[in-house]
Amino acid sequence: MLDVDGLTVSAGPRRVVDGVGFRLGRGDRVGLIGESGSGKSLTALALIGLLPAGCTANGSVRLDGADLLADARRLDRARGRDIAMVFQESLTALNPLVRVGRQVAEPLRRRQGLSRRAARDAAVELLGRVGLPEPAAIAQAHPGRLSGGQRQRACLALALACRPRLLIADEPTTALDTTVQAGILRLLAELLADDRYGPPPALLFISHDLAVVGRLCSRLLVMREGRVVESGTTAELLRAPRHPHTHALLAAARATALPGPARPQAAPGDPAAPGGAAR
């Protein structure tokens, strides 16, 4: 499905992502892990053509054989429809002046050609699917009226609106409280196992926290200073890491419970419930 080869990102004369390559097939769950500044988020932004001003990408990002970096029109068609992204900070990902339901409905109208009413109804259904209480009321709310966990669930609904084949989650739980974080991870695991709406998307999950990635992903890529320094199955890297940086990440994770892949733990309370998520 997605084949990344020799991906580089430059910020002026400085190369901040250097020769990254990996493959994602249908249903894969891959974690991209590294410390802050390792280049993992820039890698993700390069995949969907949303690099910040002053950054340029080279190499190849092939989706079903078509090189997205060489075809801006194909990349634009793929963004949101084939590849969707959930960002770390929901307050900046959502337009604070537009009601949540309208934001979720917009890609349904623009990408799938739904009527205004059909898109509105589908948006409410999506908000319910991600576990938001009273989704019709949530659809009428502005993002600032929601808690942090509720906003991140709304971002998930927005990302899933066009049923993408690849979901990129860029540190989607970092800004949330621990219990809210557990609820979002549990939701992601449930959505990735739910085939009632068609084949679930593949996942590229980005984090600096090995304990978090280990809950969802079956394969890991470890980045340091813009390069992938180690890759393998989650079980292999947790059992016998080879690179010193992977050792360091594992040592940091040992202070927390480190469950096996795709086994998110239940939160003591459902953060989707009214008042259940901290701002």
Protein backbone atom coordinates (compact mmCIF):
# COMPACT_ATOMS: atom_id res chain seq x y z
CA MET A 1 0.00 0.00 0.00
CA LEU A 2 2.53 2.64 1.17
CA ASP A 3 6.22 2.35 0.33
CA VAL A 4 8.58 5.04 1.66
CA ASP A 5 12.12 5.01 0.31
CA GLY A 6 15.01 7.39 0.93
CA LEU A 7 12.79 10.08 2.43
CA THR A 8 14.70 13.20 3.41
CA VAL A 9 13.43 16.46 4.83
CA SER A 10 15.60 19.57 4.76
CA ALA A 11 15.14 22.82 6.65
CA GLY A 12 17.29 25.18 4.64
CA PRO A 13 20.77 23.66 4.49
CA ARG A 14 20.11 21.32 7.42
CA ARG A 15 18.84 17.78 6.82
CA VAL A 16 16.43 16.92 9.62
CA VAL A 17 15.15 13.60 8.21
CA ASP A 18 17.76 11.50 6.48
CA GLY A 19 17.02 8.50 4.26
CA VAL A 20 13.99 7.11 6.06
CA GLY A 21 12.36 4.06 4.50
CA PHE A 22 9.61 1.64 5.50
CA ARG A 23 6.56 -0.15 4.14
CA LEU A 24 2.99 -0.27 5.39
CA GLY A 25 0.54 -2.90 4.18
CA ARG A 26 -3.18 -3.17 4.72
CA GLY A 27 -3.99 -3.57 8.40
CA ASP A 28 -0.42 -3.00 9.60
CA ARG A 29 0.15 -1.25 12.91
CA VAL A 30 3.55 0.41 12.94
CA GLY A 31 4.97 2.61 15.67
CA LEU A 32 7.46 5.38 14.89
CA ILE A 33 9.25 6.18 18.12
CA GLY A 34 11.99 8.56 19.12
CA GLU A 35 12.85 11.43 21.41
CA SER A 36 11.65 14.97 20.74
CA GLY A 37 13.44 16.42 17.72
CA SER A 38 14.26 13.02 16.20
CA GLY A 39 12.34 13.81 13.00
CA LYS A 40 9.37 11.51 13.49
CA SER A 41 6.68 14.20 13.19
CA LEU A 42 8.36 15.77 10.15
CA THR A 43 8.42 12.31 8.58
CA ALA A 44 4.66 12.04 9.04
CA LEU A 45 4.01 15.56 7.73
CA ALA A 46 6.10 14.80 4.65
CA LEU A 47 3.88 11.79 3.89
CA ILE A 48 0.80 13.98 3.55
CA GLY A 49 2.44 17.12 2.14
CA LEU A 50 1.98 19.35 5.18
CA LEU A 51 5.57 20.27 6.00
CA PRO A 52 6.05 23.69 7.60
CA ALA A 53 7.28 26.59 5.51
CA GLY A 54 10.98 26.37 4.77
CA CYS A 55 11.06 22.56 4.76
CA THR A 56 11.36 20.45 1.62
CA ALA A 57 11.02 16.70 1.09
CA ASN A 58 12.85 14.40 -1.32
CA GLY A 59 12.88 10.67 -1.92
CA SER A 60 9.76 8.69 -2.73
CA VAL A 61 6.45 8.09 -0.98
CA ARG A 62 4.53 5.60 -3.11
CA LEU A 63 0.88 4.85 -2.54
CA ASP A 64 -0.20 1.89 -4.67
CA GLY A 65 2.81 2.59 -6.88
CA ALA A 66 2.12 6.31 -7.42
CA ASP A 67 4.81 8.64 -6.06
CA LEU A 68 3.00 11.26 -3.99
CA LEU A 69 6.06 13.51 -3.70
CA ALA A 70 6.30 13.70 -7.50
CA ASP A 71 2.58 14.26 -8.13
CA ALA A 72 1.02 17.13 -6.17
CA ARG A 73 -2.46 16.44 -7.55
CA ARG A 74 -2.34 12.79 -6.54
CA LEU A 75 -1.12 13.83 -3.08
CA ASP A 76 -4.01 16.28 -2.73
CA ARG A 77 -6.51 13.58 -3.69
CA ALA A 78 -4.93 11.12 -1.25
CA ARG A 79 -4.90 13.51 1.71
CA GLY A 80 -7.97 12.89 3.84
CA ARG A 81 -9.33 10.18 1.58
CA ASP A 82 -6.51 7.59 1.45
CA ILE A 83 -4.31 8.96 4.23
CA ALA A 84 -5.62 10.88 7.25
CA MET A 85 -3.86 12.28 10.28
CA VAL A 86 -4.68 12.94 13.93
CA PHE A 87 -2.49 15.65 15.41
CA GLN A 88 -1.14 16.07 18.92
CA GLU A 89 -2.94 19.27 19.82
CA SER A 90 -6.66 19.17 19.13
CA LEU A 91 -7.15 22.88 19.84
CA THR A 92 -5.02 23.81 16.84
CA ALA A 93 -6.22 20.91 14.67
CA LEU A 94 -9.85 22.06 14.93
CA ASN A 95 -11.09 25.47 13.81
CA PRO A 96 -12.25 27.19 17.02
CA LEU A 97 -14.83 29.28 15.13
CA VAL A 98 -16.61 26.40 13.38
CA ARG A 99 -18.98 23.94 15.03
CA VAL A 100 -17.59 20.43 15.43
CA GLY A 101 -20.26 18.75 13.31
CA ARG A 102 -19.66 21.09 10.40
CA GLN A 103 -15.92 20.33 10.48
CA VAL A 104 -16.54 16.57 10.41
CA ALA A 105 -19.15 16.95 7.66
CA GLU A 106 -16.94 19.08 5.38
CA PRO A 107 -14.72 16.27 4.00
CA LEU A 108 -17.82 14.12 3.49
CA ARG A 109 -19.29 16.80 1.24
CA ARG A 110 -16.05 17.71 -0.50
CA ARG A 111 -14.51 14.26 -0.91
CA GLN A 112 -17.55 11.99 -1.11
CA GLY A 113 -20.12 14.31 -2.64
CA LEU A 114 -22.71 13.93 0.12
CA SER A 115 -25.53 16.45 0.37
CA ARG A 116 -25.47 18.92 3.24
CA ARG A 117 -28.10 16.96 5.18
CA ALA A 118 -26.52 13.55 4.53
CA ALA A 119 -23.10 14.86 5.57
CA ARG A 120 -24.56 16.34 8.75
CA ASP A 121 -26.24 13.05 9.66
CA ALA A 122 -23.07 11.09 8.88
CA ALA A 123 -21.02 13.48 11.05
CA VAL A 124 -23.31 12.86 14.04
CA GLU A 125 -22.99 9.11 13.46
CA LEU A 126 -19.19 9.38 13.37
CA LEU A 127 -19.12 11.39 16.60
CA GLY A 128 -21.16 8.66 18.23
CA ARG A 129 -18.88 5.99 16.82
CA VAL A 130 -15.87 7.50 18.60
CA GLY A 131 -17.69 7.32 21.92
CA LEU A 132 -18.83 10.91 22.38
CA PRO A 133 -21.98 11.28 24.52
CA GLU A 134 -24.97 13.02 22.95
CA PRO A 135 -23.26 13.30 19.55
CA ALA A 136 -25.98 15.54 18.10
CA ALA A 137 -25.28 18.09 20.86
CA ILE A 138 -21.52 17.73 20.43
CA ALA A 139 -21.94 18.41 16.70
CA GLN A 140 -23.50 21.78 17.53
CA ALA A 141 -20.71 22.76 19.94
CA HIS A 142 -17.60 24.77 19.19
CA PRO A 143 -14.28 23.01 20.01
CA GLY A 144 -13.58 25.28 22.96
CA ARG A 145 -16.68 23.97 24.73
CA LEU A 146 -15.32 20.40 24.77
CA SER A 147 -12.80 18.79 27.08
CA GLY A 148 -9.40 17.72 25.79
CA GLY A 149 -10.39 14.07 25.51
CA GLN A 150 -13.63 14.95 23.74
CA ARG A 151 -11.80 17.17 21.24
CA GLN A 152 -9.34 14.39 20.44
CA ARG A 153 -12.23 12.01 19.83
CA ALA A 154 -13.74 14.58 17.49
CA CYS A 155 -10.40 14.75 15.67
CA LEU A 156 -10.53 10.96 15.28
CA ALA A 157 -14.02 11.24 13.82
CA LEU A 158 -12.76 13.87 11.38
CA ALA A 159 -9.82 11.71 10.35
CA LEU A 160 -12.02 8.64 9.84
CA ALA A 161 -14.73 10.52 7.93
CA CYS A 162 -13.65 9.38 4.46
CA ARG A 163 -12.62 5.88 5.58
CA PRO A 164 -8.89 6.27 4.88
CA ARG A 165 -6.67 3.28 4.27
CA LEU A 166 -3.92 4.73 6.46
CA LEU A 167 -4.37 6.61 9.73
CA ILE A 168 -1.37 8.58 11.01
CA ALA A 169 -1.60 9.43 14.71
CA ASP A 170 1.05 11.96 15.74
CA GLU A 171 1.38 11.82 19.53
CA PRO A 172 -2.43 11.98 19.90
CA THR A 173 -2.37 11.34 23.66
CA THR A 174 0.66 13.35 24.79
CA ALA A 175 -1.34 16.44 25.81
CA LEU A 176 -3.92 14.42 27.77
CA ASP A 177 -4.16 13.24 31.36
CA THR A 178 -3.20 9.62 32.03
CA THR A 179 -6.75 8.28 32.37
CA VAL A 180 -7.92 10.19 29.30
CA GLN A 181 -4.89 8.88 27.40
CA ALA A 182 -5.84 5.30 28.26
CA GLY A 183 -9.35 5.88 26.94
CA ILE A 184 -8.08 7.23 23.60
CA LEU A 185 -5.72 4.25 23.22
CA ARG A 186 -8.56 1.87 23.98
CA LEU A 187 -10.74 3.63 21.42
CA LEU A 188 -8.03 3.40 18.76
CA ALA A 189 -7.63 -0.31 19.35
CA GLU A 190 -11.39 -0.80 19.05
CA LEU A 191 -11.62 1.24 15.84
CA LEU A 192 -8.73 -0.66 14.27
CA ALA A 193 -10.49 -3.96 15.01
CA ASP A 194 -13.91 -2.81 13.78
CA ASP A 195 -14.67 -3.99 10.25
CA ARG A 196 -18.38 -3.11 10.23
CA TYR A 197 -17.66 -0.04 8.09
CA GLY A 198 -15.20 -1.72 5.75
CA PRO A 199 -11.56 -2.77 6.17
CA PRO A 200 -10.00 -0.92 9.13
CA PRO A 201 -7.14 1.43 8.26
CA ALA A 202 -3.48 0.67 8.72
CA LEU A 203 -1.88 2.68 11.53
CA LEU A 204 1.31 4.72 11.78
CA PHE A 205 1.50 5.74 15.44
CA ILE A 206 4.09 8.33 16.42
CA SER A 207 5.28 8.77 19.98
CA HIS A 208 8.26 9.30 22.23
CA ASP A 209 6.78 6.83 24.71
CA LEU A 210 7.58 3.17 24.12
CA ALA A 211 4.99 2.09 26.69
CA VAL A 212 2.24 3.82 24.70
CA VAL A 213 3.37 2.50 21.31
CA GLY A 214 3.67 -1.02 22.69
CA ARG A 215 -0.04 -1.06 23.44
CA LEU A 216 -1.10 -0.67 19.82
CA CYS A 217 1.65 -1.58 17.39
CA SER A 218 3.03 -4.90 16.24
CA ARG A 219 6.09 -3.38 14.54
CA LEU A 220 8.38 -0.51 15.57
CA LEU A 221 10.74 1.93 13.89
CA VAL A 222 13.15 3.75 16.21
CA MET A 223 14.37 7.18 15.09
CA ARG A 224 17.29 9.23 16.31
CA GLU A 225 18.64 12.44 14.79
CA GLY A 226 16.58 12.04 11.64
CA ARG A 227 17.43 8.42 10.89
CA VAL A 228 15.82 5.05 11.58
CA VAL A 229 18.39 3.33 13.79
CA GLU A 230 16.47 0.13 14.50
CA SER A 231 13.34 -1.67 13.36
CA GLY A 232 11.60 -4.93 14.10
CA THR A 233 8.57 -6.46 15.72
CA THR A 234 7.45 -4.95 19.00
CA ALA A 235 8.14 -8.22 20.78
CA GLU A 236 11.69 -8.39 19.40
CA LEU A 237 12.58 -4.83 20.33
CA LEU A 238 11.14 -5.12 23.81
CA ARG A 239 12.92 -8.43 24.43
CA ALA A 240 16.30 -7.77 22.85
CA PRO A 241 16.92 -4.21 21.64
CA ARG A 242 20.15 -3.84 19.68
CA HIS A 243 20.74 -0.10 19.36
CA PRO A 244 21.80 1.91 22.45
CA HIS A 245 19.03 4.44 21.81
CA THR A 246 16.40 1.70 21.85
CA HIS A 247 17.91 0.48 25.12
CA ALA A 248 17.51 3.99 26.52
CA LEU A 249 13.89 4.26 25.42
CA LEU A 250 13.14 0.87 26.92
CA ALA A 251 14.79 1.83 30.20
CA ALA A 252 12.63 4.95 30.34
CA ALA A 253 9.50 2.88 29.69
CA ARG A 254 10.25 0.37 32.46
CA ALA A 255 9.08 2.88 35.02
CA THR A 256 5.54 2.31 33.72
CA ALA A 257 3.54 -0.82 32.98
CA LEU A 258 4.45 -2.08 29.52
CA PRO A 259 1.61 -4.23 28.17
CA GLY A 260 1.85 -6.34 25.05
CA PRO A 261 0.89 -5.07 21.60
CA ALA A 262 -2.77 -4.22 20.94
CA ARG A 263 -3.75 -4.61 24.60
CA PRO A 264 -4.76 -1.13 25.75
CA GLN A 265 -5.76 -0.97 29.37
CA ALA A 266 -9.18 0.27 30.45
CA ALA A 267 -9.30 3.62 32.14
CA PRO A 268 -10.91 3.81 35.57
CA GLY A 269 -13.56 6.09 34.04
CA ASP A 270 -14.73 6.72 30.50
CA PRO A 271 -13.23 10.07 29.46
CA ALA A 272 -15.95 10.45 26.85
CA ALA A 273 -18.57 10.84 29.53
CA PRO A 274 -19.61 14.42 30.34
CA GLY A 275 -17.03 15.91 32.65
CA GLY A 276 -14.90 12.77 32.37
CA ALA A 277 -11.94 14.32 30.56
CA ALA A 278 -9.68 17.02 31.89
CA ARG A 279 -9.17 20.15 29.88
